[in-house]
Every structure is written in structure tokens, then in C-alpha cells.
């Protein structure tokens, strides 16, 4: 994500999850008092997570993003505010990366590194 002039002021101090009219929302709380909510459906990993997994988040980069260690999910404040959805690898892409990890050339690279 390219930092823009306005994004320098977008520092988060917290987040919450809310339910309104049957839908779940991720609400980002900014240091300047503003908050922004987006549908959790933009983030499949968070949508599938248990409430306990959702609660275990960390503020990263001095407030420029969030990390959920149990889910291995990272979201930037800027990405959330402009509506960038989570990119979840497809089954085909996961299979291709597993095949690449098992190939003889990748084993040579790992040993050499």
C-alpha cells in the first residue's frame, strides 16, 4: 500500500466488533476521535473466526495496522478505510505453492540459503 498524504494522520488506537441489523462490522478507532466501520464480510478470516480469536489482536507499527496472531492476519488502517478486502489464496494457489515447496530446486535453494 502506498502511503498517501492523508494516510499519515490515520493512526489507530483500537478496534471493536459490532453487530447491527444482523450484520457484523469491524470498527477502527482513530487517535483523533473518529471511527470507521466496515462489514466483516470483507475479511473472510475474521468472519470465520471465533469471538475469542477476534478479540486477540495487536496494534502494530505505532497504530498503522492490526495483527491477529491466532489467525495470522494483518490489516492496515489505510486498507480498511479505503475498503481493500482480504486476499485469501484459492485452493489452486495453495496447491501450487505446496508443489513448489516440494520441488528439488526449491530444496536446493533452502539448503543454500
N, C-alpha and C. Protein backbone atom coordinates (compact mmCIF):
# COMPACT_ATOMS: atom_id res chain seq x y z
N UNK A 1 0.85 -1.17 0.00
CA UNK A 1 0.00 0.00 0.00
C UNK A 1 0.89 1.23 0.00
N UNK A 2 0.63 2.16 -0.85
CA UNK A 2 1.43 3.39 -0.94
C UNK A 2 0.87 4.40 0.05
N UNK A 3 1.74 4.92 0.89
CA UNK A 3 1.29 5.92 1.87
C UNK A 3 0.95 7.21 1.13
N UNK A 4 -0.20 7.74 1.44
CA UNK A 4 -0.61 9.00 0.84
C UNK A 4 -0.49 10.09 1.88
N UNK A 5 -0.62 11.32 1.44
CA UNK A 5 -0.50 12.46 2.35
C UNK A 5 -1.51 12.35 3.49
N UNK A 6 -2.74 12.01 3.18
CA UNK A 6 -3.77 11.93 4.22
C UNK A 6 -3.57 10.74 5.14
N UNK A 7 -2.89 9.67 4.68
CA UNK A 7 -2.76 8.46 5.49
C UNK A 7 -1.80 8.64 6.66
N UNK A 8 -0.95 9.67 6.62
CA UNK A 8 -0.02 9.91 7.73
C UNK A 8 -0.77 10.19 9.03
N UNK A 9 -1.96 10.74 8.93
CA UNK A 9 -2.74 11.10 10.12
C UNK A 9 -3.67 9.99 10.58
N UNK A 10 -3.66 8.85 9.90
CA UNK A 10 -4.58 7.77 10.23
C UNK A 10 -3.92 6.78 11.18
N UNK A 11 -3.89 7.14 12.44
CA UNK A 11 -3.28 6.31 13.46
C UNK A 11 -4.39 5.73 14.33
N UNK A 12 -4.43 4.41 14.40
CA UNK A 12 -5.46 3.74 15.19
C UNK A 12 -5.05 3.63 16.64
N UNK A 13 -6.04 3.65 17.50
CA UNK A 13 -5.79 3.41 18.92
C UNK A 13 -6.57 2.21 19.41
N UNK A 14 -7.41 1.64 18.55
CA UNK A 14 -8.15 0.45 18.95
C UNK A 14 -9.13 0.01 17.88
N UNK A 15 -9.81 -1.08 18.18
CA UNK A 15 -10.84 -1.58 17.28
C UNK A 15 -11.86 -2.34 18.09
N UNK A 16 -13.01 -2.54 17.48
CA UNK A 16 -14.07 -3.32 18.10
C UNK A 16 -14.88 -4.00 17.00
N UNK A 17 -15.67 -4.96 17.41
CA UNK A 17 -16.59 -5.62 16.50
C UNK A 17 -17.99 -5.32 17.00
N UNK A 18 -18.86 -4.94 16.08
CA UNK A 18 -20.24 -4.61 16.44
C UNK A 18 -21.19 -5.38 15.53
N UNK A 19 -22.37 -5.60 16.03
CA UNK A 19 -23.41 -6.25 15.25
C UNK A 19 -24.57 -5.27 15.13
N UNK A 20 -24.95 -4.97 13.88
CA UNK A 20 -26.06 -4.07 13.62
C UNK A 20 -26.94 -4.64 12.52
N UNK A 21 -28.20 -4.69 12.79
CA UNK A 21 -29.18 -5.18 11.79
C UNK A 21 -28.77 -6.52 11.18
N UNK A 22 -28.29 -7.40 12.02
CA UNK A 22 -27.94 -8.74 11.56
C UNK A 22 -26.60 -8.86 10.86
N UNK A 23 -25.83 -7.78 10.79
CA UNK A 23 -24.51 -7.83 10.13
C UNK A 23 -23.43 -7.48 11.13
N UNK A 24 -22.25 -8.10 10.95
CA UNK A 24 -21.09 -7.80 11.80
C UNK A 24 -20.21 -6.77 11.13
N UNK A 25 -19.67 -5.88 11.95
CA UNK A 25 -18.81 -4.81 11.45
C UNK A 25 -17.51 -4.75 12.25
N UNK A 26 -16.42 -4.44 11.55
CA UNK A 26 -15.13 -4.15 12.17
C UNK A 26 -15.07 -2.63 12.29
N UNK A 27 -14.87 -2.14 13.50
CA UNK A 27 -14.84 -0.70 13.74
C UNK A 27 -13.44 -0.29 14.17
N UNK A 28 -12.82 0.57 13.40
CA UNK A 28 -11.48 1.07 13.69
C UNK A 28 -11.62 2.41 14.42
N UNK A 29 -10.96 2.52 15.55
CA UNK A 29 -10.99 3.75 16.35
C UNK A 29 -9.67 4.49 16.13
N UNK A 30 -9.76 5.73 15.65
CA UNK A 30 -8.57 6.53 15.36
C UNK A 30 -8.22 7.44 16.53
N UNK A 31 -6.93 7.77 16.63
CA UNK A 31 -6.47 8.61 17.74
C UNK A 31 -7.15 9.98 17.79
N UNK A 32 -7.56 10.49 16.64
CA UNK A 32 -8.18 11.83 16.62
C UNK A 32 -9.67 11.80 17.01
N UNK A 33 -10.17 10.63 17.43
CA UNK A 33 -11.54 10.52 17.89
C UNK A 33 -12.52 9.97 16.87
N UNK A 34 -12.12 9.89 15.62
CA UNK A 34 -13.00 9.34 14.59
C UNK A 34 -13.00 7.82 14.67
N UNK A 35 -14.04 7.21 14.10
CA UNK A 35 -14.03 5.76 13.92
C UNK A 35 -14.68 5.44 12.59
N UNK A 36 -14.32 4.31 12.07
CA UNK A 36 -14.78 3.90 10.74
C UNK A 36 -15.18 2.44 10.84
N UNK A 37 -16.36 2.08 10.33
CA UNK A 37 -16.77 0.68 10.35
C UNK A 37 -16.96 0.14 8.94
N UNK A 38 -16.56 -1.12 8.80
CA UNK A 38 -16.69 -1.82 7.53
C UNK A 38 -17.25 -3.21 7.81
N UNK A 39 -17.97 -3.79 6.87
CA UNK A 39 -18.50 -5.13 7.08
C UNK A 39 -17.38 -6.15 7.27
N UNK A 40 -17.55 -7.02 8.24
CA UNK A 40 -16.55 -8.07 8.49
C UNK A 40 -16.47 -9.00 7.29
N UNK A 41 -17.51 -9.03 6.48
CA UNK A 41 -17.51 -9.90 5.29
C UNK A 41 -16.38 -9.57 4.32
N UNK A 42 -15.78 -8.38 4.43
CA UNK A 42 -14.62 -8.05 3.60
C UNK A 42 -13.38 -8.84 4.01
N UNK A 43 -13.43 -9.45 5.20
CA UNK A 43 -12.27 -10.14 5.76
C UNK A 43 -12.68 -11.56 6.16
N UNK A 44 -12.65 -12.49 5.20
CA UNK A 44 -13.11 -13.86 5.46
C UNK A 44 -12.47 -14.53 6.67
N UNK A 45 -11.20 -14.28 6.91
CA UNK A 45 -10.55 -14.90 8.08
C UNK A 45 -11.18 -14.41 9.37
N UNK A 46 -11.52 -13.14 9.44
CA UNK A 46 -12.18 -12.61 10.64
C UNK A 46 -13.64 -13.07 10.71
N UNK A 47 -14.26 -13.19 9.56
CA UNK A 47 -15.66 -13.62 9.54
C UNK A 47 -15.79 -15.06 10.06
N UNK A 48 -14.82 -15.91 9.72
CA UNK A 48 -14.85 -17.31 10.16
C UNK A 48 -14.33 -17.49 11.59
N UNK A 49 -13.64 -16.50 12.11
CA UNK A 49 -13.02 -16.62 13.43
C UNK A 49 -14.04 -16.65 14.55
N UNK A 50 -13.64 -17.25 15.65
CA UNK A 50 -14.48 -17.25 16.85
C UNK A 50 -14.38 -15.86 17.49
N UNK A 51 -15.35 -15.51 18.34
CA UNK A 51 -15.25 -14.23 19.05
C UNK A 51 -13.94 -14.10 19.84
N UNK A 52 -13.51 -15.19 20.44
CA UNK A 52 -12.26 -15.17 21.20
C UNK A 52 -11.05 -14.88 20.29
N UNK A 53 -11.02 -15.48 19.10
CA UNK A 53 -9.93 -15.22 18.15
C UNK A 53 -9.96 -13.77 17.67
N UNK A 54 -11.14 -13.24 17.48
CA UNK A 54 -11.25 -11.84 17.04
C UNK A 54 -10.75 -10.87 18.10
N UNK A 55 -10.96 -11.22 19.36
CA UNK A 55 -10.54 -10.33 20.45
C UNK A 55 -9.03 -10.28 20.64
N UNK A 56 -8.32 -11.29 20.14
CA UNK A 56 -6.86 -11.36 20.34
C UNK A 56 -6.13 -10.67 19.19
N UNK A 57 -6.11 -9.35 19.21
CA UNK A 57 -5.44 -8.57 18.17
C UNK A 57 -4.36 -7.72 18.81
N UNK A 58 -3.43 -7.28 17.98
CA UNK A 58 -2.35 -6.41 18.41
C UNK A 58 -2.29 -5.20 17.49
N UNK A 59 -2.01 -4.05 18.06
CA UNK A 59 -1.78 -2.84 17.28
C UNK A 59 -0.33 -2.91 16.80
N UNK A 60 -0.07 -2.68 15.54
CA UNK A 60 1.29 -2.77 15.01
C UNK A 60 1.71 -1.47 14.33
N UNK A 61 3.01 -1.28 14.23
CA UNK A 61 3.56 -0.12 13.53
C UNK A 61 3.16 1.21 14.13
N UNK A 62 2.99 1.25 15.44
CA UNK A 62 2.61 2.50 16.07
C UNK A 62 1.20 2.94 15.74
N UNK A 63 0.35 1.99 15.34
CA UNK A 63 -1.04 2.32 15.05
C UNK A 63 -1.41 2.33 13.59
N UNK A 64 -0.51 1.86 12.71
CA UNK A 64 -0.84 1.86 11.27
C UNK A 64 -1.50 0.55 10.82
N UNK A 65 -1.61 -0.41 11.74
CA UNK A 65 -2.23 -1.67 11.37
C UNK A 65 -2.56 -2.53 12.57
N UNK A 66 -3.18 -3.68 12.26
CA UNK A 66 -3.59 -4.64 13.27
C UNK A 66 -3.10 -6.02 12.88
N UNK A 67 -2.80 -6.84 13.90
CA UNK A 67 -2.36 -8.21 13.67
C UNK A 67 -3.14 -9.13 14.59
N UNK A 68 -3.63 -10.23 14.04
CA UNK A 68 -4.30 -11.28 14.80
C UNK A 68 -3.38 -12.50 14.78
N UNK A 69 -2.57 -12.72 15.83
CA UNK A 69 -1.59 -13.81 15.82
C UNK A 69 -2.22 -15.19 15.67
N UNK A 70 -3.37 -15.43 16.29
CA UNK A 70 -4.00 -16.75 16.19
C UNK A 70 -4.49 -17.05 14.79
N UNK A 71 -4.76 -16.00 14.01
CA UNK A 71 -5.29 -16.16 12.66
C UNK A 71 -4.25 -15.90 11.58
N UNK A 72 -3.11 -15.36 11.96
CA UNK A 72 -2.06 -14.94 11.02
C UNK A 72 -2.64 -13.98 9.98
N UNK A 73 -3.34 -12.96 10.48
CA UNK A 73 -3.96 -11.95 9.63
C UNK A 73 -3.41 -10.58 10.00
N UNK A 74 -3.06 -9.80 8.99
CA UNK A 74 -2.60 -8.43 9.16
C UNK A 74 -3.44 -7.52 8.29
N UNK A 75 -3.93 -6.43 8.87
CA UNK A 75 -4.70 -5.44 8.11
C UNK A 75 -4.15 -4.06 8.41
N UNK A 76 -4.01 -3.24 7.37
CA UNK A 76 -3.55 -1.87 7.58
C UNK A 76 -4.77 -0.97 7.79
N UNK A 77 -4.57 0.08 8.56
CA UNK A 77 -5.63 1.06 8.78
C UNK A 77 -6.03 1.68 7.45
N UNK A 78 -5.06 2.06 6.66
CA UNK A 78 -5.37 2.67 5.37
C UNK A 78 -6.19 1.73 4.49
N UNK A 79 -5.80 0.45 4.45
CA UNK A 79 -6.54 -0.53 3.65
C UNK A 79 -7.98 -0.69 4.11
N UNK A 80 -8.17 -0.71 5.43
CA UNK A 80 -9.52 -0.82 5.97
C UNK A 80 -10.35 0.40 5.57
N UNK A 81 -9.76 1.58 5.71
CA UNK A 81 -10.51 2.81 5.43
C UNK A 81 -10.89 2.98 3.96
N UNK A 82 -10.08 2.45 3.06
CA UNK A 82 -10.43 2.58 1.64
C UNK A 82 -11.15 1.34 1.12
N UNK A 83 -11.37 0.36 2.00
CA UNK A 83 -12.18 -0.79 1.64
C UNK A 83 -11.48 -1.90 0.90
N UNK A 84 -10.18 -2.06 1.12
CA UNK A 84 -9.45 -3.14 0.47
C UNK A 84 -9.80 -4.46 1.17
N UNK A 85 -10.37 -5.43 0.45
CA UNK A 85 -10.74 -6.69 1.08
C UNK A 85 -9.52 -7.58 1.32
N UNK A 86 -9.68 -8.53 2.22
CA UNK A 86 -8.62 -9.51 2.48
C UNK A 86 -8.47 -10.40 1.25
N UNK A 87 -7.24 -10.69 0.90
CA UNK A 87 -6.97 -11.61 -0.21
C UNK A 87 -6.68 -12.97 0.37
N UNK A 88 -7.58 -13.91 0.09
CA UNK A 88 -7.41 -15.28 0.59
C UNK A 88 -7.01 -16.15 -0.58
N UNK A 89 -5.87 -16.88 -0.45
CA UNK A 89 -5.44 -17.73 -1.56
C UNK A 89 -6.48 -18.79 -1.90
N UNK A 90 -6.64 -19.05 -3.18
CA UNK A 90 -7.56 -20.10 -3.61
C UNK A 90 -6.92 -21.46 -3.36
N UNK A 91 -7.71 -22.51 -3.41
CA UNK A 91 -7.19 -23.87 -3.21
C UNK A 91 -6.13 -24.19 -4.26
N UNK A 92 -6.35 -23.74 -5.50
CA UNK A 92 -5.38 -24.00 -6.57
C UNK A 92 -4.05 -23.32 -6.27
N UNK A 93 -4.10 -22.09 -5.79
CA UNK A 93 -2.87 -21.37 -5.47
C UNK A 93 -2.14 -22.02 -4.30
N UNK A 94 -2.90 -22.48 -3.28
CA UNK A 94 -2.26 -23.16 -2.15
C UNK A 94 -1.60 -24.45 -2.61
N UNK A 95 -2.27 -25.19 -3.51
CA UNK A 95 -1.70 -26.42 -4.04
C UNK A 95 -0.44 -26.16 -4.83
N UNK A 96 -0.43 -25.10 -5.63
CA UNK A 96 0.76 -24.75 -6.42
C UNK A 96 1.92 -24.39 -5.52
N UNK A 97 1.66 -23.67 -4.43
CA UNK A 97 2.75 -23.29 -3.55
C UNK A 97 3.29 -24.50 -2.80
N UNK A 98 2.42 -25.48 -2.49
CA UNK A 98 2.90 -26.71 -1.85
C UNK A 98 3.79 -27.50 -2.80
N UNK A 99 3.37 -27.57 -4.07
CA UNK A 99 4.17 -28.29 -5.07
C UNK A 99 5.54 -27.63 -5.23
N UNK A 100 5.57 -26.31 -5.26
CA UNK A 100 6.83 -25.59 -5.41
C UNK A 100 7.73 -25.85 -4.22
N UNK A 101 7.17 -25.93 -3.03
CA UNK A 101 7.96 -26.18 -1.82
C UNK A 101 8.56 -27.57 -1.83
N UNK A 102 7.91 -28.53 -2.53
CA UNK A 102 8.40 -29.91 -2.56
C UNK A 102 9.34 -30.17 -3.73
N UNK A 103 9.47 -29.25 -4.66
CA UNK A 103 10.29 -29.49 -5.84
C UNK A 103 11.77 -29.54 -5.48
N UNK A 104 12.57 -30.33 -6.21
CA UNK A 104 14.01 -30.45 -5.91
C UNK A 104 14.73 -29.11 -5.96
N UNK A 105 14.35 -28.23 -6.89
CA UNK A 105 15.05 -26.95 -6.99
C UNK A 105 14.80 -26.10 -5.76
N UNK A 106 13.60 -26.14 -5.20
CA UNK A 106 13.34 -25.34 -4.01
C UNK A 106 14.08 -25.91 -2.81
N UNK A 107 14.29 -27.23 -2.78
CA UNK A 107 15.07 -27.83 -1.68
C UNK A 107 16.51 -27.38 -1.75
N UNK A 108 17.06 -27.30 -2.98
CA UNK A 108 18.43 -26.81 -3.14
C UNK A 108 18.55 -25.37 -2.67
N UNK A 109 17.55 -24.56 -3.00
CA UNK A 109 17.58 -23.16 -2.60
C UNK A 109 17.53 -23.04 -1.08
N UNK A 110 16.70 -23.84 -0.43
CA UNK A 110 16.60 -23.75 1.02
C UNK A 110 17.92 -24.15 1.69
N UNK A 111 18.58 -25.18 1.16
CA UNK A 111 19.85 -25.61 1.75
C UNK A 111 20.94 -24.57 1.53
N UNK A 112 20.90 -23.94 0.38
CA UNK A 112 21.93 -22.97 0.05
C UNK A 112 21.79 -21.70 0.89
N UNK A 113 20.55 -21.34 1.28
CA UNK A 113 20.28 -20.11 2.00
C UNK A 113 20.64 -20.24 3.41
